[in-house]
Amino acid sequence: MGVVIRVLVVDDDPLVRVGLSLVLGAGRDLQIVGEAGDGAEAVELTRRLRPDVVLMDIRMPRMDGLSATREIRREGAEPAVIVLTTFDTDEHLLGALRLGANGFLLKDIAPEAILDAVRRAAAGESILAPSVVPRLIGYAVGREAADDGSTGRDGRGRGVDAPPRADSAAVRARAALERLSEREREVAEAVATGGSNAEISAQLHMSVPTVKSYVSRLLEKLGCANRVQVAILVHESRW
């Protein structure tokens, strides 16, 4: 057997932890090195056990997955962090990705997809399901628009559309992407769809090593910690 991927499972629901452990146990190249019931325990176990991948729930007592991801990322780019979500209720998911999480999984995902996601994360790839990304970004953008007040009131107290405003995140994202070459921009767009290196290779007609080289260049030029942050930047530029 080759290199073993060490995994830490983090969820406040014991049944979820058991289910994930059973699924991961089916992978001969995967080893569960620990389980945590909240974010604070996850941070402590990450420091002590040095896993390759952390499966991180979002909503937990004492310290949630967002705060735990922030603490883990303060200490470096490793391990890979995959957040677990039910999607419709986890409004802070985009925040976790911005903080450096390597991707997300829906809790009802097929077992084979969980194994594939953990392996891809350990190899440095992002975990962005193409069918879910547009909904995720749209949900986050919709929430932020609501929080910022996308409608105002006229003199009679009636709701009116507020004039368009220059969103600072969008402006920064567009400025960052303008520094890319045309080919780099194409790779960034492909990364934003959640494509794997192999899928991007086929889509853009370049070798997998060349894709990896471009992705590394993107991370450096855009100042991103991982591919997920590249994807978020691309989506923010479209606001």
C-alpha atoms as a PDB file:
ATOM      1  CA  MET A   1       0.000   0.000   0.000  1.00  0.00           C
ATOM      2  CA  GLY A   2       1.234   3.514  -0.835  1.00  0.00           C
ATOM      3  CA  VAL A   3       0.945   6.704   1.170  1.00  0.00           C
ATOM      4  CA  VAL A   4      -1.829   6.659   3.765  1.00  0.00           C
ATOM      5  CA  ILE A   5      -4.049   9.754   4.057  1.00  0.00           C
ATOM      6  CA  ARG A   6      -4.665  10.677   7.697  1.00  0.00           C
ATOM      7  CA  VAL A   7      -8.168  12.044   8.351  1.00  0.00           C
ATOM      8  CA  LEU A   8      -9.716  13.874  11.318  1.00  0.00           C
ATOM      9  CA  VAL A   9     -13.539  13.744  11.522  1.00  0.00           C
ATOM     10  CA  VAL A  10     -15.239  16.727  13.190  1.00  0.00           C
ATOM     11  CA  ASP A  11     -18.988  16.777  13.905  1.00  0.00           C
ATOM     12  CA  ASP A  12     -21.074  17.304  17.027  1.00  0.00           C
ATOM     13  CA  ASP A  13     -23.442  14.476  16.026  1.00  0.00           C
ATOM     14  CA  PRO A  14     -22.033  11.084  17.116  1.00  0.00           C
ATOM     15  CA  LEU A  15     -24.115   9.292  14.474  1.00  0.00           C
ATOM     16  CA  VAL A  16     -22.620  11.443  11.703  1.00  0.00           C
ATOM     17  CA  ARG A  17     -19.122  10.712  13.010  1.00  0.00           C
ATOM     18  CA  VAL A  18     -19.874   6.986  13.032  1.00  0.00           C
ATOM     19  CA  GLY A  19     -21.255   7.133   9.497  1.00  0.00           C
ATOM     20  CA  LEU A  20     -18.256   9.028   8.157  1.00  0.00           C
ATOM     21  CA  SER A  21     -15.887   6.661   9.927  1.00  0.00           C
ATOM     22  CA  LEU A  22     -17.581   3.668   8.316  1.00  0.00           C
ATOM     23  CA  VAL A  23     -17.371   5.258   4.879  1.00  0.00           C
ATOM     24  CA  LEU A  24     -13.749   6.311   5.243  1.00  0.00           C
ATOM     25  CA  GLY A  25     -12.835   2.931   6.682  1.00  0.00           C
ATOM     26  CA  ALA A  26     -13.646   1.414   3.298  1.00  0.00           C
ATOM     27  CA  GLY A  27     -10.693   3.234   1.769  1.00  0.00           C
ATOM     28  CA  ARG A  28      -7.539   1.199   2.264  1.00  0.00           C
ATOM     29  CA  ASP A  29      -5.433   4.298   1.686  1.00  0.00           C
ATOM     30  CA  LEU A  30      -7.315   6.294   4.356  1.00  0.00           C
ATOM     31  CA  GLN A  31      -6.769   6.269   8.114  1.00  0.00           C
ATOM     32  CA  ILE A  32      -9.014   7.981  10.677  1.00  0.00           C
ATOM     33  CA  VAL A  33      -6.617   9.389  13.255  1.00  0.00           C
ATOM     34  CA  GLY A  34      -9.212  11.041  15.474  1.00  0.00           C
ATOM     35  CA  GLU A  35     -12.727  12.392  16.013  1.00  0.00           C
ATOM     36  CA  ALA A  36     -13.805  15.725  17.504  1.00  0.00           C
ATOM     37  CA  GLY A  37     -17.205  16.882  18.711  1.00  0.00           C
ATOM     38  CA  ASP A  38     -16.648  20.642  18.394  1.00  0.00           C
ATOM     39  CA  GLY A  39     -14.328  23.181  16.831  1.00  0.00           C
ATOM     40  CA  ALA A  40     -12.128  23.731  19.871  1.00  0.00           C
ATOM     41  CA  GLU A  41     -11.402  20.021  20.101  1.00  0.00           C
ATOM     42  CA  ALA A  42     -10.776  19.957  16.346  1.00  0.00           C
ATOM     43  CA  VAL A  43      -8.107  22.671  16.630  1.00  0.00           C
ATOM     44  CA  GLU A  44      -6.413  20.862  19.518  1.00  0.00           C
ATOM     45  CA  LEU A  45      -6.445  17.491  17.751  1.00  0.00           C
ATOM     46  CA  THR A  46      -5.200  19.033  14.518  1.00  0.00           C
ATOM     47  CA  ARG A  47      -2.182  20.430  16.333  1.00  0.00           C
ATOM     48  CA  ARG A  48      -1.509  17.162  18.105  1.00  0.00           C
ATOM     49  CA  LEU A  49      -2.320  14.563  15.436  1.00  0.00           C
ATOM     50  CA  ARG A  50      -1.252  16.429  12.268  1.00  0.00           C
ATOM     51  CA  PRO A  51      -3.904  14.948   9.915  1.00  0.00           C
ATOM     52  CA  ASP A  52      -3.697  15.393   6.158  1.00  0.00           C
ATOM     53  CA  VAL A  53      -7.414  16.170   5.816  1.00  0.00           C
ATOM     54  CA  VAL A  54     -10.011  17.522   8.274  1.00  0.00           C
ATOM     55  CA  LEU A  55     -13.711  16.911   7.614  1.00  0.00           C
ATOM     56  CA  MET A  56     -15.232  19.909   9.419  1.00  0.00           C
ATOM     57  CA  ASP A  57     -18.877  20.406  10.361  1.00  0.00           C
ATOM     58  CA  ILE A  58     -20.046  24.045  10.415  1.00  0.00           C
ATOM     59  CA  ARG A  59     -22.572  24.259  13.235  1.00  0.00           C
ATOM     60  CA  MET A  60     -21.176  22.965  16.523  1.00  0.00           C
ATOM     61  CA  PRO A  61     -21.213  24.055  20.182  1.00  0.00           C
ATOM     62  CA  ARG A  62     -18.372  25.856  21.978  1.00  0.00           C
ATOM     63  CA  MET A  63     -16.514  26.687  18.733  1.00  0.00           C
ATOM     64  CA  ASP A  64     -18.124  26.361  15.298  1.00  0.00           C
ATOM     65  CA  GLY A  65     -16.432  25.130  12.155  1.00  0.00           C
ATOM     66  CA  LEU A  66     -15.883  28.657  10.844  1.00  0.00           C
ATOM     67  CA  SER A  67     -13.853  29.693  13.874  1.00  0.00           C
ATOM     68  CA  ALA A  68     -12.010  26.369  13.917  1.00  0.00           C
ATOM     69  CA  THR A  69     -11.054  26.739  10.250  1.00  0.00           C
ATOM     70  CA  ARG A  70      -9.750  30.241  10.971  1.00  0.00           C
ATOM     71  CA  GLU A  71      -7.601  28.941  13.841  1.00  0.00           C
ATOM     72  CA  ILE A  72      -6.225  26.047  11.786  1.00  0.00           C
ATOM     73  CA  ARG A  73      -5.366  28.336   8.868  1.00  0.00           C
ATOM     74  CA  ARG A  74      -3.493  30.740  11.129  1.00  0.00           C
ATOM     75  CA  GLU A  75      -0.938  27.987  11.594  1.00  0.00           C
ATOM     76  CA  GLY A  76      -0.409  27.217   7.910  1.00  0.00           C
ATOM     77  CA  ALA A  77      -1.838  25.915   4.654  1.00  0.00           C
ATOM     78  CA  GLU A  78      -2.058  22.356   5.934  1.00  0.00           C
ATOM     79  CA  PRO A  79      -4.041  20.258   6.589  1.00  0.00           C
ATOM     80  CA  ALA A  80      -6.696  20.395   3.894  1.00  0.00           C
ATOM     81  CA  VAL A  81     -10.044  21.362   5.426  1.00  0.00           C
ATOM     82  CA  ILE A  82     -13.300  20.176   3.858  1.00  0.00           C
ATOM     83  CA  VAL A  83     -16.401  21.691   5.412  1.00  0.00           C
ATOM     84  CA  LEU A  84     -19.514  19.554   5.795  1.00  0.00           C
ATOM     85  CA  THR A  85     -22.836  21.235   5.116  1.00  0.00           C
ATOM     86  CA  THR A  86     -26.536  20.697   4.634  1.00  0.00           C
ATOM     87  CA  PHE A  87     -26.271  23.716   2.271  1.00  0.00           C
ATOM     88  CA  ASP A  88     -29.727  25.214   2.789  1.00  0.00           C
ATOM     89  CA  THR A  89     -29.005  26.128   6.400  1.00  0.00           C
ATOM     90  CA  ASP A  90     -25.269  26.856   6.459  1.00  0.00           C
ATOM     91  CA  GLU A  91     -25.163  30.538   5.584  1.00  0.00           C
ATOM     92  CA  HIS A  92     -21.588  30.847   6.831  1.00  0.00           C
ATOM     93  CA  LEU A  93     -20.215  28.305   4.393  1.00  0.00           C
ATOM     94  CA  LEU A  94     -18.785  30.902   1.997  1.00  0.00           C
ATOM     95  CA  GLY A  95     -17.034  32.489   4.955  1.00  0.00           C
ATOM     96  CA  ALA A  96     -15.308  29.192   5.712  1.00  0.00           C
ATOM     97  CA  LEU A  97     -14.121  28.941   2.128  1.00  0.00           C
ATOM     98  CA  ARG A  98     -12.810  32.500   2.214  1.00  0.00           C
ATOM     99  CA  LEU A  99     -10.871  31.641   5.357  1.00  0.00           C
ATOM    100  CA  GLY A 100      -9.012  28.888   3.544  1.00  0.00           C
ATOM    101  CA  ALA A 101     -11.160  25.763   3.605  1.00  0.00           C
ATOM    102  CA  ASN A 102     -10.342  23.576   0.606  1.00  0.00           C
ATOM    103  CA  GLY A 103     -13.924  22.816  -0.316  1.00  0.00           C
ATOM    104  CA  PHE A 104     -17.231  21.481   0.867  1.00  0.00           C
ATOM    105  CA  LEU A 105     -19.286  18.316   0.919  1.00  0.00           C
ATOM    106  CA  LEU A 106     -23.022  17.921   1.275  1.00  0.00           C
ATOM    107  CA  LYS A 107     -23.871  15.565   4.118  1.00  0.00           C
ATOM    108  CA  ASP A 108     -26.024  13.409   1.849  1.00  0.00           C
ATOM    109  CA  ILE A 109     -23.191  12.846  -0.630  1.00  0.00           C
ATOM    110  CA  ALA A 110     -22.575   9.316  -1.933  1.00  0.00           C
ATOM    111  CA  PRO A 111     -19.900   7.322  -0.070  1.00  0.00           C
ATOM    112  CA  GLU A 112     -17.734   6.978  -3.169  1.00  0.00           C
ATOM    113  CA  ALA A 113     -17.785  10.754  -3.617  1.00  0.00           C
ATOM    114  CA  ILE A 114     -16.607  11.272  -0.032  1.00  0.00           C
ATOM    115  CA  LEU A 115     -13.624   8.989  -0.622  1.00  0.00           C
ATOM    116  CA  ASP A 116     -12.805  10.762  -3.880  1.00  0.00           C
ATOM    117  CA  ALA A 117     -13.111  14.193  -2.250  1.00  0.00           C
ATOM    118  CA  VAL A 118     -10.748  13.309   0.596  1.00  0.00           C
ATOM    119  CA  ARG A 119      -8.176  11.949  -1.834  1.00  0.00           C
ATOM    120  CA  ARG A 120      -8.435  15.026  -4.057  1.00  0.00           C
ATOM    121  CA  ALA A 121      -8.108  17.372  -1.087  1.00  0.00           C
ATOM    122  CA  ALA A 122      -5.037  15.512   0.129  1.00  0.00           C
ATOM    123  CA  ALA A 123      -3.555  15.924  -3.369  1.00  0.00           C
ATOM    124  CA  GLY A 124      -4.090  19.691  -3.221  1.00  0.00           C
ATOM    125  CA  GLU A 125      -7.237  19.960  -5.307  1.00  0.00           C
ATOM    126  CA  SER A 126     -10.387  21.896  -4.412  1.00  0.00           C
ATOM    127  CA  ILE A 127     -13.673  20.196  -3.699  1.00  0.00           C
ATOM    128  CA  LEU A 128     -16.311  22.225  -5.529  1.00  0.00           C
ATOM    129  CA  ALA A 129     -19.278  20.337  -6.921  1.00  0.00           C
ATOM    130  CA  PRO A 130     -20.087  21.991 -10.280  1.00  0.00           C
ATOM    131  CA  SER A 131     -23.839  21.477  -9.804  1.00  0.00           C
ATOM    132  CA  VAL A 132     -23.862  23.205  -6.416  1.00  0.00           C
ATOM    133  CA  VAL A 133     -21.355  26.064  -6.808  1.00  0.00           C
ATOM    134  CA  PRO A 134     -23.716  28.482  -8.634  1.00  0.00           C
ATOM    135  CA  ARG A 135     -26.423  27.945  -5.984  1.00  0.00           C
ATOM    136  CA  LEU A 136     -23.895  28.356  -3.184  1.00  0.00           C
ATOM    137  CA  ILE A 137     -22.484  31.607  -4.550  1.00  0.00           C
ATOM    138  CA  GLY A 138     -25.961  32.908  -5.364  1.00  0.00           C
ATOM    139  CA  TYR A 139     -27.145  32.125  -1.848  1.00  0.00           C
ATOM    140  CA  ALA A 140     -24.182  33.919  -0.290  1.00  0.00           C
ATOM    141  CA  VAL A 141     -24.540  36.938  -2.572  1.00  0.00           C
ATOM    142  CA  GLY A 142     -28.250  37.105  -1.841  1.00  0.00           C
ATOM    143  CA  ARG A 143     -27.630  37.068   1.894  1.00  0.00           C
ATOM    144  CA  GLU A 144     -25.012  39.818   1.662  1.00  0.00           C
ATOM    145  CA  ALA A 145     -27.299  41.946  -0.489  1.00  0.00           C
ATOM    146  CA  ALA A 146     -30.051  41.557   2.091  1.00  0.00           C
ATOM    147  CA  ASP A 147     -27.679  42.412   4.934  1.00  0.00           C
ATOM    148  CA  ASP A 148     -26.388  45.503   3.096  1.00  0.00           C
ATOM    149  CA  GLY A 149     -29.899  46.686   2.245  1.00  0.00           C
ATOM    150  CA  SER A 150     -30.498  46.247  -1.458  1.00  0.00           C
ATOM    151  CA  THR A 151     -33.742  48.223  -1.222  1.00  0.00           C
ATOM    152  CA  GLY A 152     -34.410  51.521   0.424  1.00  0.00           C
ATOM    153  CA  ARG A 153     -37.465  53.647   1.335  1.00  0.00           C
ATOM    154  CA  ASP A 154     -38.871  56.622  -0.431  1.00  0.00           C
ATOM    155  CA  GLY A 155     -40.289  59.644   1.307  1.00  0.00           C
ATOM    156  CA  ARG A 156     -43.602  57.851   1.839  1.00  0.00           C
ATOM    157  CA  GLY A 157     -42.030  54.800   3.416  1.00  0.00           C
ATOM    158  CA  ARG A 158     -42.439  52.589   0.373  1.00  0.00           C
ATOM    159  CA  GLY A 159     -39.741  50.157  -0.695  1.00  0.00           C
ATOM    160  CA  VAL A 160     -37.641  51.297  -3.645  1.00  0.00           C
ATOM    161  CA  ASP A 161     -34.623  49.874  -5.350  1.00  0.00           C
ATOM    162  CA  ALA A 162     -31.395  51.398  -4.095  1.00  0.00           C
ATOM    163  CA  PRO A 163     -29.025  52.756  -6.762  1.00  0.00           C
ATOM    164  CA  PRO A 164     -26.312  50.334  -7.849  1.00  0.00           C
ATOM    165  CA  ARG A 165     -23.255  50.500  -5.616  1.00  0.00           C
ATOM    166  CA  ALA A 166     -19.652  49.536  -6.372  1.00  0.00           C
ATOM    167  CA  ASP A 167     -19.162  46.435  -4.270  1.00  0.00           C
ATOM    168  CA  SER A 168     -15.638  46.599  -2.870  1.00  0.00           C
ATOM    169  CA  ALA A 169     -15.159  42.816  -3.059  1.00  0.00           C
ATOM    170  CA  ALA A 170     -16.158  42.785  -6.728  1.00  0.00           C
ATOM    171  CA  VAL A 171     -13.892  45.721  -7.524  1.00  0.00           C
ATOM    172  CA  ARG A 172     -10.924  44.040  -5.822  1.00  0.00           C
ATOM    173  CA  ALA A 173     -11.659  40.742  -7.556  1.00  0.00           C
ATOM    174  CA  ARG A 174     -11.835  42.321 -11.012  1.00  0.00           C
ATOM    175  CA  ALA A 175      -8.610  44.221 -10.407  1.00  0.00           C
ATOM    176  CA  ALA A 176      -6.839  41.016  -9.339  1.00  0.00           C
ATOM    177  CA  LEU A 177      -8.051  39.058 -12.367  1.00  0.00           C
ATOM    178  CA  GLU A 178      -6.995  41.828 -14.741  1.00  0.00           C
ATOM    179  CA  ARG A 179      -3.385  41.025 -13.819  1.00  0.00           C
ATOM    180  CA  LEU A 180      -3.723  37.560 -15.359  1.00  0.00           C
ATOM    181  CA  SER A 181      -2.827  36.569 -18.887  1.00  0.00           C
ATOM    182  CA  GLU A 182      -5.600  35.326 -21.151  1.00  0.00           C
ATOM    183  CA  ARG A 183      -4.584  31.687 -20.599  1.00  0.00           C
ATOM    184  CA  GLU A 184      -4.303  32.160 -16.840  1.00  0.00           C
ATOM    185  CA  ARG A 185      -7.789  33.640 -16.827  1.00  0.00           C
ATOM    186  CA  GLU A 186      -9.095  30.599 -18.709  1.00  0.00           C
ATOM    187  CA  VAL A 187      -7.595  28.292 -16.090  1.00  0.00           C
ATOM    188  CA  ALA A 188      -9.031  30.431 -13.287  1.00  0.00           C
ATOM    189  CA  GLU A 189     -12.487  30.224 -14.872  1.00  0.00           C
ATOM    190  CA  ALA A 190     -12.141  26.439 -15.146  1.00  0.00           C
ATOM    191  CA  VAL A 191     -11.062  26.191 -11.508  1.00  0.00           C
ATOM    192  CA  ALA A 192     -14.179  28.191 -10.565  1.00  0.00           C
ATOM    193  CA  THR A 193     -16.405  25.474 -12.039  1.00  0.00           C
ATOM    194  CA  GLY A 194     -14.923  22.924  -9.647  1.00  0.00           C
ATOM    195  CA  GLY A 195     -13.093  20.977 -12.333  1.00  0.00           C
ATOM    196  CA  SER A 196     -10.318  18.606 -11.349  1.00  0.00           C
ATOM    197  CA  ASN A 197      -6.867  18.897 -12.909  1.00  0.00           C
ATOM    198  CA  ALA A 198      -7.758  16.104 -15.329  1.00  0.00           C
ATOM    199  CA  GLU A 199     -11.047  17.779 -16.310  1.00  0.00           C
ATOM    200  CA  ILE A 200      -9.363  21.151 -16.831  1.00  0.00           C
ATOM    201  CA  SER A 201      -6.671  19.405 -18.860  1.00  0.00           C
ATOM    202  CA  ALA A 202      -9.264  17.965 -21.225  1.00  0.00           C
ATOM    203  CA  GLN A 203     -11.281  21.180 -21.386  1.00  0.00           C
ATOM    204  CA  LEU A 204      -8.354  23.467 -22.198  1.00  0.00           C
ATOM    205  CA  HIS A 205      -6.282  20.942 -24.172  1.00  0.00           C
ATOM    206  CA  MET A 206      -3.201  21.031 -21.975  1.00  0.00           C
ATOM    207  CA  SER A 207      -1.356  18.381 -19.996  1.00  0.00           C
ATOM    208  CA  VAL A 208      -2.145  17.771 -16.328  1.00  0.00           C
ATOM    209  CA  PRO A 209       1.368  18.917 -15.256  1.00  0.00           C
ATOM    210  CA  THR A 210       0.782  22.152 -17.197  1.00  0.00           C
ATOM    211  CA  VAL A 211      -2.550  22.642 -15.420  1.00  0.00           C
ATOM    212  CA  LYS A 212      -0.818  22.177 -12.059  1.00  0.00           C
ATOM    213  CA  SER A 213       1.799  24.715 -13.073  1.00  0.00           C
ATOM    214  CA  TYR A 214      -0.858  27.257 -14.050  1.00  0.00           C
ATOM    215  CA  VAL A 215      -2.778  26.704 -10.805  1.00  0.00           C
ATOM    216  CA  SER A 216       0.391  27.267  -8.764  1.00  0.00           C
ATOM    217  CA  ARG A 217       0.998  30.473 -10.719  1.00  0.00           C
ATOM    218  CA  LEU A 218      -2.577  31.607 -10.077  1.00  0.00           C
ATOM    219  CA  LEU A 219      -2.254  31.058  -6.335  1.00  0.00           C
ATOM    220  CA  GLU A 220       0.895  33.184  -6.274  1.00  0.00           C
ATOM    221  CA  LYS A 221      -0.356  36.008  -8.512  1.00  0.00           C
ATOM    222  CA  LEU A 222      -3.764  36.249  -6.850  1.00  0.00           C
ATOM    223  CA  GLY A 223      -2.490  35.808  -3.307  1.00  0.00           C
ATOM    224  CA  CYS A 224      -4.842  32.870  -2.703  1.00  0.00           C
ATOM    225  CA  ALA A 225      -4.221  30.075  -0.217  1.00  0.00           C
ATOM    226  CA  ASN A 226      -5.890  27.408  -2.365  1.00  0.00           C
ATOM    227  CA  ARG A 227      -8.026  26.749  -5.431  1.00  0.00           C
ATOM    228  CA  VAL A 228     -11.269  27.445  -3.601  1.00  0.00           C
ATOM    229  CA  GLN A 229     -10.224  31.028  -2.966  1.00  0.00           C
ATOM    230  CA  VAL A 230      -9.425  31.376  -6.671  1.00  0.00           C
ATOM    231  CA  ALA A 231     -12.958  30.183  -7.451  1.00  0.00           C
ATOM    232  CA  ILE A 232     -14.487  32.640  -4.990  1.00  0.00           C
ATOM    233  CA  LEU A 233     -12.474  35.481  -6.518  1.00  0.00           C
ATOM    234  CA  VAL A 234     -13.778  34.605  -9.982  1.00  0.00           C
ATOM    235  CA  HIS A 235     -17.367  34.509  -8.727  1.00  0.00           C
ATOM    236  CA  GLU A 236     -16.958  37.780  -6.811  1.00  0.00           C
ATOM    237  CA  SER A 237     -15.735  39.474  -9.986  1.00  0.00           C
ATOM    238  CA  ARG A 238     -19.121  38.763 -11.585  1.00  0.00           C
ATOM    239  CA  TRP A 239     -21.213  40.587  -8.949  1.00  0.00           C
END
